[in-house]
């Protein structure tokens, strides 16, 4: 494995991302990453500077990927009518669920964070979560000011409810009548969850008309 080349770094980043997502930062060792990547610990350290630096790069990459996807989904979305606002909110719901389905490591990394993983890295939420929330708020603010949502809606908690629900479903699924766990890999369970998620957010935000 050569050092410094972008193509040579990608396999290492993929391996490390999978380990951090599965085990958490605290439970993943530099030796595990090096072994899974087919490197010596010395070569891994030379390339990235250590486990901490590797983790920080991964969190930055996941943030940038999610931000680019979010901006692509929401840029230019009209909000001049209550109906357009409803469509925008449901677009946000579908975007977040679809992104987490396409990048399962994303919710897993943040679930570990919620359980105090890498607690010595205290700036990650302020660096990566707050900007996303602020961006969504900036997109939806015209609708709030136009009173397209219910007057008592706590929009921040509406979107946090979406995040919690998506993370929980993507990582834990639901139990069926036989006690078996059904998650995103089950098309019927995924379809039911998506419908439920839209209905929950639609009603929590007091959007006009029926949910899609």
C-alpha atoms as a PDB file:
ATOM      1  CA  UNK A   1       0.000   0.000   0.000  1.00  0.00           C
ATOM      2  CA  UNK A   2       1.539   3.281  -1.030  1.00  0.00           C
ATOM      3  CA  UNK A   3       1.480   6.297   1.233  1.00  0.00           C
ATOM      4  CA  UNK A   4      -0.024   9.665   0.321  1.00  0.00           C
ATOM      5  CA  UNK A   5      -2.076   8.625  -2.724  1.00  0.00           C
ATOM      6  CA  UNK A   6      -5.795   9.226  -2.618  1.00  0.00           C
ATOM      7  CA  UNK A   7      -6.634   5.866  -4.208  1.00  0.00           C
ATOM      8  CA  UNK A   8      -4.433   4.086  -1.656  1.00  0.00           C
ATOM      9  CA  UNK A   9      -6.227   5.755   1.247  1.00  0.00           C
ATOM     10  CA  UNK A  10      -9.731   4.770   0.180  1.00  0.00           C
ATOM     11  CA  UNK A  11      -9.573   1.066   1.123  1.00  0.00           C
ATOM     12  CA  UNK A  12      -8.158   1.987   4.524  1.00  0.00           C
ATOM     13  CA  UNK A  13     -10.899   4.543   5.106  1.00  0.00           C
ATOM     14  CA  UNK A  14     -13.563   2.030   4.112  1.00  0.00           C
ATOM     15  CA  UNK A  15     -12.174  -0.612   6.470  1.00  0.00           C
ATOM     16  CA  UNK A  16     -11.836   1.846   9.344  1.00  0.00           C
ATOM     17  CA  UNK A  17     -15.328   3.215   8.759  1.00  0.00           C
ATOM     18  CA  UNK A  18     -16.786  -0.294   8.926  1.00  0.00           C
ATOM     19  CA  UNK A  19     -14.954  -1.044  12.168  1.00  0.00           C
ATOM     20  CA  UNK A  20     -15.864   2.250  13.840  1.00  0.00           C
ATOM     21  CA  UNK A  21     -19.490   1.782  12.775  1.00  0.00           C
ATOM     22  CA  UNK A  22     -19.627  -1.789  14.061  1.00  0.00           C
ATOM     23  CA  UNK A  23     -17.587  -1.497  17.252  1.00  0.00           C
ATOM     24  CA  UNK A  24     -17.421   2.200  18.044  1.00  0.00           C
ATOM     25  CA  UNK A  25     -14.323   4.340  18.316  1.00  0.00           C
ATOM     26  CA  UNK A  26     -13.436   3.275  21.846  1.00  0.00           C
ATOM     27  CA  UNK A  27     -13.613  -0.441  21.102  1.00  0.00           C
ATOM     28  CA  UNK A  28     -11.699  -0.282  17.819  1.00  0.00           C
ATOM     29  CA  UNK A  29      -7.929  -0.538  18.033  1.00  0.00           C
ATOM     30  CA  UNK A  30      -5.294   0.689  15.641  1.00  0.00           C
ATOM     31  CA  UNK A  31      -4.093  -2.904  15.349  1.00  0.00           C
ATOM     32  CA  UNK A  32      -7.543  -4.075  14.243  1.00  0.00           C
ATOM     33  CA  UNK A  33      -7.707  -1.413  11.552  1.00  0.00           C
ATOM     34  CA  UNK A  34      -4.202  -2.162  10.321  1.00  0.00           C
ATOM     35  CA  UNK A  35      -4.822  -5.907  10.214  1.00  0.00           C
ATOM     36  CA  UNK A  36      -8.144  -5.511   8.373  1.00  0.00           C
ATOM     37  CA  UNK A  37      -6.499  -3.156   5.880  1.00  0.00           C
ATOM     38  CA  UNK A  38      -3.528  -5.459   5.352  1.00  0.00           C
ATOM     39  CA  UNK A  39      -1.048  -2.952   6.759  1.00  0.00           C
ATOM     40  CA  UNK A  40       1.391  -2.711   9.591  1.00  0.00           C
ATOM     41  CA  UNK A  41       0.515  -0.393  12.454  1.00  0.00           C
ATOM     42  CA  UNK A  42       3.532   1.698  11.487  1.00  0.00           C
ATOM     43  CA  UNK A  43       2.309   2.129   7.906  1.00  0.00           C
ATOM     44  CA  UNK A  44      -1.181   3.061   9.090  1.00  0.00           C
ATOM     45  CA  UNK A  45       0.218   5.596  11.535  1.00  0.00           C
ATOM     46  CA  UNK A  46       2.459   7.083   8.868  1.00  0.00           C
ATOM     47  CA  UNK A  47      -0.507   7.487   6.508  1.00  0.00           C
ATOM     48  CA  UNK A  48      -3.077   8.920   8.930  1.00  0.00           C
ATOM     49  CA  UNK A  49      -1.269   9.878  12.115  1.00  0.00           C
ATOM     50  CA  UNK A  50      -3.164   7.455  14.352  1.00  0.00           C
ATOM     51  CA  UNK A  51      -6.644   6.241  15.234  1.00  0.00           C
ATOM     52  CA  UNK A  52      -7.884   9.650  16.384  1.00  0.00           C
ATOM     53  CA  UNK A  53      -6.881  11.383  13.159  1.00  0.00           C
ATOM     54  CA  UNK A  54      -8.379   8.575  11.083  1.00  0.00           C
ATOM     55  CA  UNK A  55     -11.663   8.805  12.962  1.00  0.00           C
ATOM     56  CA  UNK A  56     -11.809  12.576  12.564  1.00  0.00           C
ATOM     57  CA  UNK A  57     -11.248  12.267   8.828  1.00  0.00           C
ATOM     58  CA  UNK A  58     -14.036   9.714   8.566  1.00  0.00           C
ATOM     59  CA  UNK A  59     -16.470  11.916  10.491  1.00  0.00           C
ATOM     60  CA  UNK A  60     -15.569  14.854   8.247  1.00  0.00           C
ATOM     61  CA  UNK A  61     -16.148  12.747   5.130  1.00  0.00           C
ATOM     62  CA  UNK A  62     -19.514  11.487   6.314  1.00  0.00           C
ATOM     63  CA  UNK A  63     -20.577  15.033   7.141  1.00  0.00           C
ATOM     64  CA  UNK A  64     -19.532  16.341   3.736  1.00  0.00           C
ATOM     65  CA  UNK A  65     -21.336  13.515   1.948  1.00  0.00           C
ATOM     66  CA  UNK A  66     -24.554  14.057   3.886  1.00  0.00           C
ATOM     67  CA  UNK A  67     -24.382  17.837   3.468  1.00  0.00           C
ATOM     68  CA  UNK A  68     -23.872  17.598  -0.293  1.00  0.00           C
ATOM     69  CA  UNK A  69     -26.777  15.177  -0.586  1.00  0.00           C
ATOM     70  CA  UNK A  70     -29.006  17.396   1.563  1.00  0.00           C
ATOM     71  CA  UNK A  71     -28.240  20.534  -0.422  1.00  0.00           C
ATOM     72  CA  UNK A  72     -28.892  18.718  -3.681  1.00  0.00           C
ATOM     73  CA  UNK A  73     -32.260  17.550  -2.376  1.00  0.00           C
ATOM     74  CA  UNK A  74     -33.422  20.893  -0.973  1.00  0.00           C
ATOM     75  CA  UNK A  75     -31.847  23.662  -3.056  1.00  0.00           C
ATOM     76  CA  UNK A  76     -34.494  25.600  -4.933  1.00  0.00           C
ATOM     77  CA  UNK A  77     -37.449  23.837  -3.321  1.00  0.00           C
ATOM     78  CA  UNK A  78     -40.425  26.259  -3.336  1.00  0.00           C
ATOM     79  CA  UNK A  79     -42.164  27.158  -0.084  1.00  0.00           C
ATOM     80  CA  UNK A  80     -44.653  29.808  -1.137  1.00  0.00           C
ATOM     81  CA  UNK A  81     -47.756  27.778  -0.269  1.00  0.00           C
ATOM     82  CA  UNK A  82     -48.628  25.430   2.611  1.00  0.00           C
ATOM     83  CA  UNK A  83     -48.819  22.568   0.139  1.00  0.00           C
ATOM     84  CA  UNK A  84     -45.290  23.283  -1.109  1.00  0.00           C
ATOM     85  CA  UNK A  85     -44.095  23.404   2.484  1.00  0.00           C
ATOM     86  CA  UNK A  86     -45.614  19.986   3.097  1.00  0.00           C
ATOM     87  CA  UNK A  87     -43.824  18.620   0.039  1.00  0.00           C
ATOM     88  CA  UNK A  88     -40.554  20.122   1.286  1.00  0.00           C
ATOM     89  CA  UNK A  89     -40.865  18.529   4.714  1.00  0.00           C
ATOM     90  CA  UNK A  90     -41.618  15.148   3.169  1.00  0.00           C
ATOM     91  CA  UNK A  91     -38.663  15.596   0.826  1.00  0.00           C
ATOM     92  CA  UNK A  92     -36.465  16.063   3.903  1.00  0.00           C
ATOM     93  CA  UNK A  93     -37.908  12.874   5.415  1.00  0.00           C
ATOM     94  CA  UNK A  94     -37.234  10.818   2.288  1.00  0.00           C
ATOM     95  CA  UNK A  95     -33.790  12.307   1.862  1.00  0.00           C
ATOM     96  CA  UNK A  96     -32.685  11.439   5.377  1.00  0.00           C
ATOM     97  CA  UNK A  97     -34.065   7.917   5.305  1.00  0.00           C
ATOM     98  CA  UNK A  98     -32.628   7.209   1.856  1.00  0.00           C
ATOM     99  CA  UNK A  99     -29.218   8.598   2.802  1.00  0.00           C
ATOM    100  CA  UNK A 100     -29.046   6.425   5.909  1.00  0.00           C
ATOM    101  CA  UNK A 101     -30.125   3.382   3.910  1.00  0.00           C
ATOM    102  CA  UNK A 102     -27.430   4.049   1.314  1.00  0.00           C
ATOM    103  CA  UNK A 103     -24.802   4.777   3.981  1.00  0.00           C
ATOM    104  CA  UNK A 104     -25.616   2.516   6.968  1.00  0.00           C
ATOM    105  CA  UNK A 105     -22.355   3.462   8.641  1.00  0.00           C
ATOM    106  CA  UNK A 106     -23.694   7.023   9.078  1.00  0.00           C
ATOM    107  CA  UNK A 107     -26.460   6.275  11.631  1.00  0.00           C
ATOM    108  CA  UNK A 108     -24.276   3.672  13.299  1.00  0.00           C
ATOM    109  CA  UNK A 109     -21.448   6.142  13.909  1.00  0.00           C
ATOM    110  CA  UNK A 110     -23.838   8.657  15.438  1.00  0.00           C
ATOM    111  CA  UNK A 111     -25.618   6.066  17.579  1.00  0.00           C
ATOM    112  CA  UNK A 112     -22.236   5.213  19.080  1.00  0.00           C
ATOM    113  CA  UNK A 113     -21.738   8.930  19.710  1.00  0.00           C
ATOM    114  CA  UNK A 114     -25.096   9.099  21.494  1.00  0.00           C
ATOM    115  CA  UNK A 115     -23.846   6.325  23.772  1.00  0.00           C
ATOM    116  CA  UNK A 116     -20.788   8.446  24.730  1.00  0.00           C
ATOM    117  CA  UNK A 117     -18.393   6.825  22.289  1.00  0.00           C
ATOM    118  CA  UNK A 118     -15.238   8.896  21.754  1.00  0.00           C
ATOM    119  CA  UNK A 119     -16.396  11.193  24.536  1.00  0.00           C
ATOM    120  CA  UNK A 120     -13.034  12.974  24.594  1.00  0.00           C
ATOM    121  CA  UNK A 121     -13.786  14.350  21.101  1.00  0.00           C
ATOM    122  CA  UNK A 122     -16.241  16.963  22.277  1.00  0.00           C
ATOM    123  CA  UNK A 123     -16.585  19.153  19.181  1.00  0.00           C
ATOM    124  CA  UNK A 124     -18.109  16.698  16.723  1.00  0.00           C
ATOM    125  CA  UNK A 125     -21.753  17.527  17.361  1.00  0.00           C
ATOM    126  CA  UNK A 126     -21.111  21.254  17.168  1.00  0.00           C
ATOM    127  CA  UNK A 127     -19.000  20.802  14.054  1.00  0.00           C
ATOM    128  CA  UNK A 128     -21.252  18.416  12.139  1.00  0.00           C
ATOM    129  CA  UNK A 129     -24.764  18.162  13.607  1.00  0.00           C
ATOM    130  CA  UNK A 130     -25.576  21.791  14.414  1.00  0.00           C
ATOM    131  CA  UNK A 131     -24.689  23.026  10.898  1.00  0.00           C
ATOM    132  CA  UNK A 132     -27.075  20.482   9.380  1.00  0.00           C
ATOM    133  CA  UNK A 133     -29.874  21.508  11.706  1.00  0.00           C
ATOM    134  CA  UNK A 134     -29.187  25.168  11.007  1.00  0.00           C
ATOM    135  CA  UNK A 135     -29.252  24.547   7.257  1.00  0.00           C
ATOM    136  CA  UNK A 136     -32.599  22.755   7.401  1.00  0.00           C
ATOM    137  CA  UNK A 137     -33.968  25.558   9.564  1.00  0.00           C
ATOM    138  CA  UNK A 138     -32.814  28.147   7.032  1.00  0.00           C
ATOM    139  CA  UNK A 139     -34.636  26.287   4.281  1.00  0.00           C
ATOM    140  CA  UNK A 140     -37.853  25.939   6.274  1.00  0.00           C
ATOM    141  CA  UNK A 141     -37.808  29.401   7.923  1.00  0.00           C
ATOM    142  CA  UNK A 142     -39.863  31.087   5.162  1.00  0.00           C
ATOM    143  CA  UNK A 143     -42.590  28.507   5.755  1.00  0.00           C
ATOM    144  CA  UNK A 144     -42.511  29.106   9.494  1.00  0.00           C
ATOM    145  CA  UNK A 145     -42.731  32.852   8.992  1.00  0.00           C
ATOM    146  CA  UNK A 146     -45.637  32.370   6.593  1.00  0.00           C
ATOM    147  CA  UNK A 147     -47.412  30.224   9.225  1.00  0.00           C
ATOM    148  CA  UNK A 148     -47.600  27.180   6.977  1.00  0.00           C
ATOM    149  CA  UNK A 149     -46.984  24.937   9.997  1.00  0.00           C
ATOM    150  CA  UNK A 150     -49.065  24.594  13.124  1.00  0.00           C
ATOM    151  CA  UNK A 151     -48.612  27.489  15.578  1.00  0.00           C
ATOM    152  CA  UNK A 152     -47.318  25.339  18.436  1.00  0.00           C
ATOM    153  CA  UNK A 153     -44.998  23.097  16.428  1.00  0.00           C
ATOM    154  CA  UNK A 154     -41.540  22.561  17.898  1.00  0.00           C
ATOM    155  CA  UNK A 155     -39.792  22.138  14.573  1.00  0.00           C
ATOM    156  CA  UNK A 156     -36.445  21.209  16.072  1.00  0.00           C
ATOM    157  CA  UNK A 157     -37.990  18.303  17.959  1.00  0.00           C
ATOM    158  CA  UNK A 158     -39.976  17.281  14.891  1.00  0.00           C
ATOM    159  CA  UNK A 159     -36.760  16.795  12.962  1.00  0.00           C
ATOM    160  CA  UNK A 160     -34.983  15.203  15.914  1.00  0.00           C
ATOM    161  CA  UNK A 161     -37.856  12.710  16.110  1.00  0.00           C
ATOM    162  CA  UNK A 162     -37.193  11.886  12.475  1.00  0.00           C
ATOM    163  CA  UNK A 163     -33.471  11.374  13.169  1.00  0.00           C
ATOM    164  CA  UNK A 164     -34.084   9.173  16.212  1.00  0.00           C
ATOM    165  CA  UNK A 165     -36.630   7.064  14.362  1.00  0.00           C
ATOM    166  CA  UNK A 166     -34.498   6.575  11.269  1.00  0.00           C
ATOM    167  CA  UNK A 167     -31.394   5.706  13.264  1.00  0.00           C
ATOM    168  CA  UNK A 168     -33.330   3.243  15.402  1.00  0.00           C
ATOM    169  CA  UNK A 169     -34.956   1.519  12.440  1.00  0.00           C
ATOM    170  CA  UNK A 170     -31.783   1.373  10.365  1.00  0.00           C
ATOM    171  CA  UNK A 171     -29.763  -0.143  13.205  1.00  0.00           C
ATOM    172  CA  UNK A 172     -32.300  -2.117  15.212  1.00  0.00           C
ATOM    173  CA  UNK A 173     -35.372  -2.618  13.048  1.00  0.00           C
ATOM    174  CA  UNK A 174     -38.615  -3.777  14.651  1.00  0.00           C
ATOM    175  CA  UNK A 175     -39.759  -7.100  16.067  1.00  0.00           C
ATOM    176  CA  UNK A 176     -42.437  -8.996  14.154  1.00  0.00           C
ATOM    177  CA  UNK A 177     -45.134 -11.196  15.659  1.00  0.00           C
ATOM    178  CA  UNK A 178     -42.642 -14.073  15.955  1.00  0.00           C
ATOM    179  CA  UNK A 179     -40.040 -11.976  17.739  1.00  0.00           C
ATOM    180  CA  UNK A 180     -37.801 -11.817  14.678  1.00  0.00           C
ATOM    181  CA  UNK A 181     -36.092  -8.533  13.915  1.00  0.00           C
ATOM    182  CA  UNK A 182     -37.125  -6.849  10.674  1.00  0.00           C
ATOM    183  CA  UNK A 183     -35.055  -3.948   9.385  1.00  0.00           C
ATOM    184  CA  UNK A 184     -34.134  -2.120   6.198  1.00  0.00           C
ATOM    185  CA  UNK A 185     -33.188  -5.329   4.422  1.00  0.00           C
ATOM    186  CA  UNK A 186     -36.853  -6.422   4.591  1.00  0.00           C
ATOM    187  CA  UNK A 187     -38.788  -4.603   1.815  1.00  0.00           C
ATOM    188  CA  UNK A 188     -42.143  -4.941   3.568  1.00  0.00           C
ATOM    189  CA  UNK A 189     -40.789  -3.623   6.874  1.00  0.00           C
ATOM    190  CA  UNK A 190     -39.040  -0.754   5.120  1.00  0.00           C
ATOM    191  CA  UNK A 191     -42.208   0.189   3.251  1.00  0.00           C
ATOM    192  CA  UNK A 192     -44.241   0.181   6.473  1.00  0.00           C
ATOM    193  CA  UNK A 193     -41.619   2.239   8.271  1.00  0.00           C
ATOM    194  CA  UNK A 194     -41.456   4.840   5.500  1.00  0.00           C
ATOM    195  CA  UNK A 195     -45.242   5.248   5.508  1.00  0.00           C
ATOM    196  CA  UNK A 196     -45.295   5.516   9.304  1.00  0.00           C
ATOM    197  CA  UNK A 197     -42.431   8.021   9.323  1.00  0.00           C
ATOM    198  CA  UNK A 198     -44.185  10.297   6.837  1.00  0.00           C
ATOM    199  CA  UNK A 199     -47.420  10.140   8.784  1.00  0.00           C
ATOM    200  CA  UNK A 200     -45.700  10.847  12.088  1.00  0.00           C
ATOM    201  CA  UNK A 201     -43.799  13.876  10.796  1.00  0.00           C
ATOM    202  CA  UNK A 202     -46.804  15.179   8.867  1.00  0.00           C
ATOM    203  CA  UNK A 203     -48.957  15.188  11.975  1.00  0.00           C
ATOM    204  CA  UNK A 204     -46.235  16.410  14.314  1.00  0.00           C
ATOM    205  CA  UNK A 205     -45.604  19.395  12.027  1.00  0.00           C
ATOM    206  CA  UNK A 206     -49.350  20.003  11.602  1.00  0.00           C
ATOM    207  CA  UNK A 207     -48.953  20.097   7.817  1.00  0.00           C
ATOM    208  CA  UNK A 208     -51.971  20.705   5.575  1.00  0.00           C
ATOM    209  CA  UNK A 209     -53.816  17.892   3.863  1.00  0.00           C
ATOM    210  CA  UNK A 210     -53.280  14.157   4.256  1.00  0.00           C
ATOM    211  CA  UNK A 211     -49.773  12.678   4.468  1.00  0.00           C
ATOM    212  CA  UNK A 212     -48.442  11.068   1.284  1.00  0.00           C
END
